[in-house]
């Protein structure tokens, strides 16, 4: 799951070296934190949060195969 979010984020930003993704397992729930450069924050969030919502939807769809819950937070 972490790798999926990382690949998507690196494709969107201007500074892919500054993308850091951390994953925290808590039972059946997983928290994925996405850190990007401040100048790339708008590209990851998108207009009205559409890109952020799409990233979360893709992560949730991938996690549903394993019957897990996943939350993606953009820091």
C-alpha atoms as a PDB file:
ATOM      1  CA  UNK A   1       0.000   0.000   0.000  1.00  0.00           C
ATOM      2  CA  UNK A   2       2.821   2.359   0.914  1.00  0.00           C
ATOM      3  CA  UNK A   3       4.500   1.820  -2.450  1.00  0.00           C
ATOM      4  CA  UNK A   4       1.286   2.553  -4.343  1.00  0.00           C
ATOM      5  CA  UNK A   5       0.798   5.937  -2.661  1.00  0.00           C
ATOM      6  CA  UNK A   6       4.486   6.741  -3.109  1.00  0.00           C
ATOM      7  CA  UNK A   7       4.425   6.039  -6.873  1.00  0.00           C
ATOM      8  CA  UNK A   8       1.313   8.159  -7.368  1.00  0.00           C
ATOM      9  CA  UNK A   9       2.709  11.068  -5.325  1.00  0.00           C
ATOM     10  CA  UNK A  10       6.102  11.037  -7.061  1.00  0.00           C
ATOM     11  CA  UNK A  11       4.365  11.219 -10.448  1.00  0.00           C
ATOM     12  CA  UNK A  12       2.458  14.343  -9.396  1.00  0.00           C
ATOM     13  CA  UNK A  13       5.125  16.520  -7.762  1.00  0.00           C
ATOM     14  CA  UNK A  14       8.063  18.588  -9.043  1.00  0.00           C
ATOM     15  CA  UNK A  15      10.387  17.380  -6.255  1.00  0.00           C
ATOM     16  CA  UNK A  16       9.985  13.580  -6.113  1.00  0.00           C
ATOM     17  CA  UNK A  17      13.057  13.257  -3.881  1.00  0.00           C
ATOM     18  CA  UNK A  18      11.178  15.009  -1.067  1.00  0.00           C
ATOM     19  CA  UNK A  19       8.242  12.576  -1.046  1.00  0.00           C
ATOM     20  CA  UNK A  20       8.181  10.516   2.149  1.00  0.00           C
ATOM     21  CA  UNK A  21       5.502   7.929   2.862  1.00  0.00           C
ATOM     22  CA  UNK A  22       5.159   6.220   6.244  1.00  0.00           C
ATOM     23  CA  UNK A  23       2.830   3.368   7.072  1.00  0.00           C
ATOM     24  CA  UNK A  24       1.499   2.531  10.543  1.00  0.00           C
ATOM     25  CA  UNK A  25      -0.385  -0.724  11.111  1.00  0.00           C
ATOM     26  CA  UNK A  26      -3.005  -0.781  13.850  1.00  0.00           C
ATOM     27  CA  UNK A  27      -4.741  -4.153  13.727  1.00  0.00           C
ATOM     28  CA  UNK A  28      -6.949  -4.251  10.638  1.00  0.00           C
ATOM     29  CA  UNK A  29      -6.499  -0.517  10.081  1.00  0.00           C
ATOM     30  CA  UNK A  30      -3.559   1.142   8.359  1.00  0.00           C
ATOM     31  CA  UNK A  31      -2.570   4.807   8.471  1.00  0.00           C
ATOM     32  CA  UNK A  32      -0.501   6.109   5.572  1.00  0.00           C
ATOM     33  CA  UNK A  33       1.114   9.518   6.006  1.00  0.00           C
ATOM     34  CA  UNK A  34       2.269  11.354   2.889  1.00  0.00           C
ATOM     35  CA  UNK A  35       4.845  14.131   3.318  1.00  0.00           C
ATOM     36  CA  UNK A  36       5.692  16.365   0.341  1.00  0.00           C
ATOM     37  CA  UNK A  37       7.553  19.644  -0.148  1.00  0.00           C
ATOM     38  CA  UNK A  38       5.477  22.713   0.756  1.00  0.00           C
ATOM     39  CA  UNK A  39       5.652  23.924  -2.857  1.00  0.00           C
ATOM     40  CA  UNK A  40       4.119  20.629  -4.064  1.00  0.00           C
ATOM     41  CA  UNK A  41       1.278  20.525  -1.553  1.00  0.00           C
ATOM     42  CA  UNK A  42      -1.211  22.082  -3.987  1.00  0.00           C
ATOM     43  CA  UNK A  43      -0.402  19.544  -6.682  1.00  0.00           C
ATOM     44  CA  UNK A  44      -1.059  16.626  -4.349  1.00  0.00           C
ATOM     45  CA  UNK A  45      -4.285  18.104  -2.971  1.00  0.00           C
ATOM     46  CA  UNK A  46      -5.639  19.429  -6.273  1.00  0.00           C
ATOM     47  CA  UNK A  47      -8.551  21.739  -6.917  1.00  0.00           C
ATOM     48  CA  UNK A  48     -11.171  21.301  -4.211  1.00  0.00           C
ATOM     49  CA  UNK A  49      -9.243  18.263  -2.965  1.00  0.00           C
ATOM     50  CA  UNK A  50     -10.043  16.111  -5.975  1.00  0.00           C
ATOM     51  CA  UNK A  51      -6.571  14.583  -6.374  1.00  0.00           C
ATOM     52  CA  UNK A  52      -6.303  13.866  -2.643  1.00  0.00           C
ATOM     53  CA  UNK A  53      -9.704  12.190  -2.765  1.00  0.00           C
ATOM     54  CA  UNK A  54      -8.624  10.110  -5.767  1.00  0.00           C
ATOM     55  CA  UNK A  55      -5.451   8.974  -3.983  1.00  0.00           C
ATOM     56  CA  UNK A  56      -7.528   7.936  -0.973  1.00  0.00           C
ATOM     57  CA  UNK A  57     -10.014   6.087  -3.194  1.00  0.00           C
ATOM     58  CA  UNK A  58      -7.276   4.108  -4.958  1.00  0.00           C
ATOM     59  CA  UNK A  59      -5.661   3.184  -1.633  1.00  0.00           C
ATOM     60  CA  UNK A  60      -9.007   2.083  -0.164  1.00  0.00           C
ATOM     61  CA  UNK A  61      -9.786  -0.004  -3.241  1.00  0.00           C
ATOM     62  CA  UNK A  62      -6.414  -1.751  -3.022  1.00  0.00           C
ATOM     63  CA  UNK A  63      -6.876  -2.365   0.716  1.00  0.00           C
ATOM     64  CA  UNK A  64     -10.357  -3.790   0.275  1.00  0.00           C
ATOM     65  CA  UNK A  65      -8.865  -6.876  -1.403  1.00  0.00           C
ATOM     66  CA  UNK A  66      -7.148  -7.699   1.903  1.00  0.00           C
ATOM     67  CA  UNK A  67     -10.245  -6.689   3.897  1.00  0.00           C
ATOM     68  CA  UNK A  68      -8.375  -3.880   5.629  1.00  0.00           C
ATOM     69  CA  UNK A  69      -9.192  -0.256   6.305  1.00  0.00           C
ATOM     70  CA  UNK A  70      -6.753   2.388   5.157  1.00  0.00           C
ATOM     71  CA  UNK A  71      -6.567   6.112   5.823  1.00  0.00           C
ATOM     72  CA  UNK A  72      -4.296   8.434   3.851  1.00  0.00           C
ATOM     73  CA  UNK A  73      -3.236  11.692   5.502  1.00  0.00           C
ATOM     74  CA  UNK A  74      -1.355  14.371   3.593  1.00  0.00           C
ATOM     75  CA  UNK A  75       1.043  16.203   5.867  1.00  0.00           C
END
